[in-house]
Structures are given as structure tokens and as C-alpha cells.
PDB file of N, CA and C in Angstrom:
ATOM      1  N   UNK A   1      -3.636  -3.879 -17.989  1.00  0.00           N
ATOM      2  CA  UNK A   1      -2.457  -3.913 -17.158  1.00  0.00           C
ATOM      3  C   UNK A   1      -2.881  -3.673 -15.706  1.00  0.00           C
ATOM      4  N   UNK A   2      -2.358  -4.464 -14.806  1.00  0.00           N
ATOM      5  CA  UNK A   2      -2.690  -4.355 -13.389  1.00  0.00           C
ATOM      6  C   UNK A   2      -1.620  -3.554 -12.666  1.00  0.00           C
ATOM      7  N   UNK A   3      -2.060  -2.632 -11.830  1.00  0.00           N
ATOM      8  CA  UNK A   3      -1.160  -1.890 -10.946  1.00  0.00           C
ATOM      9  C   UNK A   3      -1.567  -2.208  -9.523  1.00  0.00           C
ATOM     10  N   UNK A   4      -0.596  -2.349  -8.655  1.00  0.00           N
ATOM     11  CA  UNK A   4      -0.844  -2.558  -7.237  1.00  0.00           C
ATOM     12  C   UNK A   4      -0.414  -1.302  -6.502  1.00  0.00           C
ATOM     13  N   UNK A   5      -1.318  -0.746  -5.715  1.00  0.00           N
ATOM     14  CA  UNK A   5      -0.993   0.417  -4.901  1.00  0.00           C
ATOM     15  C   UNK A   5      -0.574  -0.096  -3.531  1.00  0.00           C
ATOM     16  N   UNK A   6       0.616   0.272  -3.101  1.00  0.00           N
ATOM     17  CA  UNK A   6       1.193  -0.244  -1.869  1.00  0.00           C
ATOM     18  C   UNK A   6       0.970   0.774  -0.753  1.00  0.00           C
ATOM     19  N   UNK A   7       0.301   0.315   0.310  1.00  0.00           N
ATOM     20  CA  UNK A   7      -0.042   1.161   1.451  1.00  0.00           C
ATOM     21  C   UNK A   7       0.484   0.488   2.703  1.00  0.00           C
ATOM     22  N   UNK A   8       1.172   1.255   3.537  1.00  0.00           N
ATOM     23  CA  UNK A   8       1.701   0.715   4.795  1.00  0.00           C
ATOM     24  C   UNK A   8       1.465   1.742   5.896  1.00  0.00           C
ATOM     25  N   UNK A   9       0.786   1.335   6.959  1.00  0.00           N
ATOM     26  CA  UNK A   9       0.455   2.255   8.063  1.00  0.00           C
ATOM     27  C   UNK A   9      -0.235   3.518   7.552  1.00  0.00           C
ATOM     28  N   UNK A  10      -1.174   3.337   6.642  1.00  0.00           N
ATOM     29  CA  UNK A  10      -1.958   4.422   6.054  1.00  0.00           C
ATOM     30  C   UNK A  10      -1.106   5.397   5.252  1.00  0.00           C
ATOM     31  N   UNK A  11       0.082   4.977   4.847  1.00  0.00           N
ATOM     32  CA  UNK A  11       0.949   5.801   4.009  1.00  0.00           C
ATOM     33  C   UNK A  11       1.041   5.146   2.636  1.00  0.00           C
ATOM     34  N   UNK A  12       0.675   5.874   1.589  1.00  0.00           N
ATOM     35  CA  UNK A  12       0.776   5.346   0.239  1.00  0.00           C
ATOM     36  C   UNK A  12       2.234   5.403  -0.166  1.00  0.00           C
ATOM     37  N   UNK A  13       2.808   4.239  -0.467  1.00  0.00           N
ATOM     38  CA  UNK A  13       4.227   4.162  -0.802  1.00  0.00           C
ATOM     39  C   UNK A  13       4.483   4.249  -2.296  1.00  0.00           C
ATOM     40  N   UNK A  14       3.482   3.932  -3.096  1.00  0.00           N
ATOM     41  CA  UNK A  14       3.642   3.981  -4.538  1.00  0.00           C
ATOM     42  C   UNK A  14       2.851   2.881  -5.215  1.00  0.00           C
ATOM     43  N   UNK A  15       3.012   2.798  -6.531  1.00  0.00           N
ATOM     44  CA  UNK A  15       2.324   1.778  -7.317  1.00  0.00           C
ATOM     45  C   UNK A  15       3.365   0.952  -8.064  1.00  0.00           C
ATOM     46  N   UNK A  16       3.096  -0.332  -8.203  1.00  0.00           N
ATOM     47  CA  UNK A  16       4.007  -1.243  -8.898  1.00  0.00           C
ATOM     48  C   UNK A  16       3.205  -2.118  -9.855  1.00  0.00           C
ATOM     49  N   UNK A  17       3.888  -2.685 -10.830  1.00  0.00           N
ATOM     50  CA  UNK A  17       3.246  -3.592 -11.780  1.00  0.00           C
ATOM     51  C   UNK A  17       3.248  -5.027 -11.284  1.00  0.00           C
ATOM     52  N   UNK A  18       4.135  -5.342 -10.350  1.00  0.00           N
ATOM     53  CA  UNK A  18       4.274  -6.701  -9.830  1.00  0.00           C
ATOM     54  C   UNK A  18       4.406  -6.649  -8.316  1.00  0.00           C
ATOM     55  N   UNK A  19       3.799  -7.602  -7.630  1.00  0.00           N
ATOM     56  CA  UNK A  19       3.924  -7.636  -6.171  1.00  0.00           C
ATOM     57  C   UNK A  19       5.365  -7.870  -5.742  1.00  0.00           C
ATOM     58  N   UNK A  20       6.169  -8.495  -6.594  1.00  0.00           N
ATOM     59  CA  UNK A  20       7.588  -8.670  -6.279  1.00  0.00           C
ATOM     60  C   UNK A  20       8.303  -7.329  -6.168  1.00  0.00           C
ATOM     61  N   UNK A  21       7.850  -6.331  -6.920  1.00  0.00           N
ATOM     62  CA  UNK A  21       8.453  -5.002  -6.870  1.00  0.00           C
ATOM     63  C   UNK A  21       8.078  -4.245  -5.599  1.00  0.00           C
ATOM     64  N   UNK A  22       7.062  -4.704  -4.901  1.00  0.00           N
ATOM     65  CA  UNK A  22       6.594  -4.017  -3.692  1.00  0.00           C
ATOM     66  C   UNK A  22       7.625  -4.066  -2.575  1.00  0.00           C
ATOM     67  N   UNK A  23       8.499  -5.046  -2.595  1.00  0.00           N
ATOM     68  CA  UNK A  23       9.499  -5.187  -1.532  1.00  0.00           C
ATOM     69  C   UNK A  23      10.344  -3.924  -1.414  1.00  0.00           C
ATOM     70  N   UNK A  24      10.735  -3.342  -2.543  1.00  0.00           N
ATOM     71  CA  UNK A  24      11.566  -2.138  -2.485  1.00  0.00           C
ATOM     72  C   UNK A  24      10.795  -0.960  -1.894  1.00  0.00           C
ATOM     73  N   UNK A  25       9.491  -0.892  -2.129  1.00  0.00           N
ATOM     74  CA  UNK A  25       8.689   0.196  -1.563  1.00  0.00           C
ATOM     75  C   UNK A  25       8.496   0.033  -0.062  1.00  0.00           C
ATOM     76  N   UNK A  26       8.474  -1.200   0.414  1.00  0.00           N
ATOM     77  CA  UNK A  26       8.269  -1.438   1.844  1.00  0.00           C
ATOM     78  C   UNK A  26       9.462  -0.990   2.674  1.00  0.00           C
ATOM     79  N   UNK A  27      10.568  -0.705   2.039  1.00  0.00           N
ATOM     80  CA  UNK A  27      11.747  -0.221   2.766  1.00  0.00           C
ATOM     81  C   UNK A  27      11.652   1.275   3.069  1.00  0.00           C
ATOM     82  N   UNK A  28      10.651   1.920   2.526  1.00  0.00           N
ATOM     83  CA  UNK A  28      10.436   3.340   2.780  1.00  0.00           C
ATOM     84  C   UNK A  28       9.971   3.540   4.212  1.00  0.00           C
ATOM     85  N   UNK A  29      10.543   4.510   4.938  1.00  0.00           N
ATOM     86  CA  UNK A  29      10.089   4.747   6.314  1.00  0.00           C
ATOM     87  C   UNK A  29       8.594   5.056   6.350  1.00  0.00           C
ATOM     88  N   UNK A  30       7.893   4.395   7.234  1.00  0.00           N
ATOM     89  CA  UNK A  30       6.445   4.573   7.335  1.00  0.00           C
ATOM     90  C   UNK A  30       6.109   5.758   8.229  1.00  0.00           C
ATOM     91  N   UNK A  31       5.016   6.388   7.932  1.00  0.00           N
ATOM     92  CA  UNK A  31       4.535   7.497   8.734  1.00  0.00           C
ATOM     93  C   UNK A  31       3.038   7.621   8.541  1.00  0.00           C
ATOM     94  N   UNK A  32       2.412   8.467   9.294  1.00  0.00           N
ATOM     95  CA  UNK A  32       0.971   8.645   9.194  1.00  0.00           C
ATOM     96  C   UNK A  32       0.689   9.924   8.429  1.00  0.00           C
ATOM     97  N   UNK A  33      -0.129   9.822   7.416  1.00  0.00           N
ATOM     98  CA  UNK A  33      -0.515  10.961   6.599  1.00  0.00           C
ATOM     99  C   UNK A  33      -2.028  11.117   6.704  1.00  0.00           C
ATOM    100  N   UNK A  34      -2.468  12.144   7.398  1.00  0.00           N
ATOM    101  CA  UNK A  34      -3.898  12.322   7.648  1.00  0.00           C
ATOM    102  C   UNK A  34      -4.680  12.487   6.348  1.00  0.00           C
ATOM    103  N   UNK A  35      -4.141  13.226   5.393  1.00  0.00           N
ATOM    104  CA  UNK A  35      -4.839  13.391   4.118  1.00  0.00           C
ATOM    105  C   UNK A  35      -4.925  12.063   3.375  1.00  0.00           C
ATOM    106  N   UNK A  36      -3.831  11.309   3.385  1.00  0.00           N
ATOM    107  CA  UNK A  36      -3.832   9.996   2.749  1.00  0.00           C
ATOM    108  C   UNK A  36      -4.845   9.072   3.390  1.00  0.00           C
ATOM    109  N   UNK A  37      -4.965   9.149   4.699  1.00  0.00           N
ATOM    110  CA  UNK A  37      -5.937   8.336   5.433  1.00  0.00           C
ATOM    111  C   UNK A  37      -7.350   8.629   4.936  1.00  0.00           C
ATOM    112  N   UNK A  38      -7.671   9.901   4.805  1.00  0.00           N
ATOM    113  CA  UNK A  38      -9.011  10.283   4.357  1.00  0.00           C
ATOM    114  C   UNK A  38      -9.271   9.822   2.928  1.00  0.00           C
ATOM    115  N   UNK A  39      -8.256   9.921   2.085  1.00  0.00           N
ATOM    116  CA  UNK A  39      -8.404   9.507   0.692  1.00  0.00           C
ATOM    117  C   UNK A  39      -8.569   7.994   0.590  1.00  0.00           C
ATOM    118  N   UNK A  40      -7.848   7.240   1.420  1.00  0.00           N
ATOM    119  CA  UNK A  40      -7.862   5.780   1.340  1.00  0.00           C
ATOM    120  C   UNK A  40      -9.074   5.137   2.004  1.00  0.00           C
ATOM    121  N   UNK A  41      -9.647   5.785   2.995  1.00  0.00           N
ATOM    122  CA  UNK A  41     -10.744   5.176   3.763  1.00  0.00           C
ATOM    123  C   UNK A  41     -11.898   4.711   2.891  1.00  0.00           C
ATOM    124  N   UNK A  42     -12.423   5.580   2.070  1.00  0.00           N
ATOM    125  CA  UNK A  42     -13.625   5.242   1.305  1.00  0.00           C
ATOM    126  C   UNK A  42     -13.402   4.033   0.392  1.00  0.00           C
ATOM    127  N   UNK A  43     -12.364   4.029  -0.465  1.00  0.00           N
ATOM    128  CA  UNK A  43     -12.199   2.856  -1.334  1.00  0.00           C
ATOM    129  C   UNK A  43     -11.951   1.565  -0.562  1.00  0.00           C
ATOM    130  N   UNK A  44     -11.226   1.640   0.541  1.00  0.00           N
ATOM    131  CA  UNK A  44     -10.929   0.427   1.299  1.00  0.00           C
ATOM    132  C   UNK A  44     -12.146  -0.090   2.051  1.00  0.00           C
ATOM    133  N   UNK A  45     -12.940   0.803   2.595  1.00  0.00           N
ATOM    134  CA  UNK A  45     -14.083   0.392   3.400  1.00  0.00           C
ATOM    135  C   UNK A  45     -15.284  -0.050   2.568  1.00  0.00           C
ATOM    136  N   UNK A  46     -15.340   0.341   1.297  1.00  0.00           N
ATOM    137  CA  UNK A  46     -16.466  -0.068   0.462  1.00  0.00           C
ATOM    138  C   UNK A  46     -16.382  -1.535   0.068  1.00  0.00           C
ATOM    139  N   UNK A  47     -15.190  -2.110   0.132  1.00  0.00           N
ATOM    140  CA  UNK A  47     -15.024  -3.505  -0.252  1.00  0.00           C
ATOM    141  C   UNK A  47     -14.999  -3.726  -1.755  1.00  0.00           C
ATOM    142  N   UNK A  48     -14.909  -2.654  -2.530  1.00  0.00           N
ATOM    143  CA  UNK A  48     -14.898  -2.774  -3.985  1.00  0.00           C
ATOM    144  C   UNK A  48     -13.536  -3.205  -4.525  1.00  0.00           C
ATOM    145  N   UNK A  49     -12.517  -3.120  -3.705  1.00  0.00           N
ATOM    146  CA  UNK A  49     -11.164  -3.428  -4.156  1.00  0.00           C
ATOM    147  C   UNK A  49     -10.586  -4.566  -3.335  1.00  0.00           C
ATOM    148  N   UNK A  50      -9.801  -5.393  -3.983  1.00  0.00           N
ATOM    149  CA  UNK A  50      -9.148  -6.500  -3.291  1.00  0.00           C
ATOM    150  C   UNK A  50      -7.976  -5.954  -2.475  1.00  0.00           C
ATOM    151  N   UNK A  51      -7.891  -6.360  -1.230  1.00  0.00           N
ATOM    152  CA  UNK A  51      -6.779  -5.983  -0.362  1.00  0.00           C
ATOM    153  C   UNK A  51      -5.867  -7.197  -0.246  1.00  0.00           C
ATOM    154  N   UNK A  52      -4.607  -7.021  -0.640  1.00  0.00           N
ATOM    155  CA  UNK A  52      -3.627  -8.103  -0.570  1.00  0.00           C
ATOM    156  C   UNK A  52      -2.617  -7.730   0.503  1.00  0.00           C
ATOM    157  N   UNK A  53      -2.563  -8.511   1.564  1.00  0.00           N
ATOM    158  CA  UNK A  53      -1.620  -8.241   2.641  1.00  0.00           C
ATOM    159  C   UNK A  53      -0.245  -8.747   2.237  1.00  0.00           C
ATOM    160  N   UNK A  54       0.758  -7.890   2.382  1.00  0.00           N
ATOM    161  CA  UNK A  54       2.129  -8.262   2.060  1.00  0.00           C
ATOM    162  C   UNK A  54       2.880  -8.545   3.341  1.00  0.00           C
ATOM    163  N   UNK A  55       3.748  -9.495   3.307  1.00  0.00           N
ATOM    164  CA  UNK A  55       4.567  -9.838   4.465  1.00  0.00           C
ATOM    165  C   UNK A  55       5.752  -8.887   4.501  1.00  0.00           C
ATOM    166  N   UNK A  56       5.743  -7.925   5.433  1.00  0.00           N
ATOM    167  CA  UNK A  56       6.817  -6.936   5.451  1.00  0.00           C
ATOM    168  C   UNK A  56       8.124  -7.504   5.990  1.00  0.00           C
ATOM    169  N   UNK A  57       8.146  -8.773   6.388  1.00  0.00           N
ATOM    170  CA  UNK A  57       9.403  -9.384   6.801  1.00  0.00           C
ATOM    171  C   UNK A  57      10.368  -9.470   5.628  1.00  0.00           C
ATOM    172  N   UNK A  58       9.842  -9.533   4.402  1.00  0.00           N
ATOM    173  CA  UNK A  58      10.693  -9.586   3.221  1.00  0.00           C
ATOM    174  C   UNK A  58      11.475  -8.294   3.044  1.00  0.00           C
ATOM    175  N   UNK A  59      10.977  -7.205   3.588  1.00  0.00           N
ATOM    176  CA  UNK A  59      11.628  -5.910   3.422  1.00  0.00           C
ATOM    177  C   UNK A  59      12.741  -5.688   4.430  1.00  0.00           C
ATOM    178  N   UNK A  60      12.879  -6.583   5.379  1.00  0.00           N
ATOM    179  CA  UNK A  60      13.911  -6.385   6.403  1.00  0.00           C
ATOM    180  C   UNK A  60      15.210  -7.015   6.002  1.00  0.00           C
TER     181      UNK A  60
END
């Protein structure tokens, strides 16, 4: 089973089973979380995980 972790402005919004479900998470107010930034940096910068950019215009 695939889970997608949704991150916006270095804020982890949650995990979903389908990218279509990500739209509801993108409506969450974004903010900067320093601890989240530190946790996310290593996995994102190693290139071991696929990064899928979502169009946040769908959330408006």
C-alpha cells in the first residue's frame, strides 16, 4: 500500500492513500516548523524518495 506524505512550506500536513485526497490537506494553514524542517531535510536531500509537486491552485 502506498502512502503519500504531504508537505507544504516545510510543514507536514499529513499522509493520504491517494493524491486526490491531498487537496483537503492543502487547505490547512501553512506555517514553518523548525523541528519538521530538520526531520524532513535528510530524506528529501538524499534523493532516495520521489518528490511529487502538487498544484496548490486546486486547494483554492
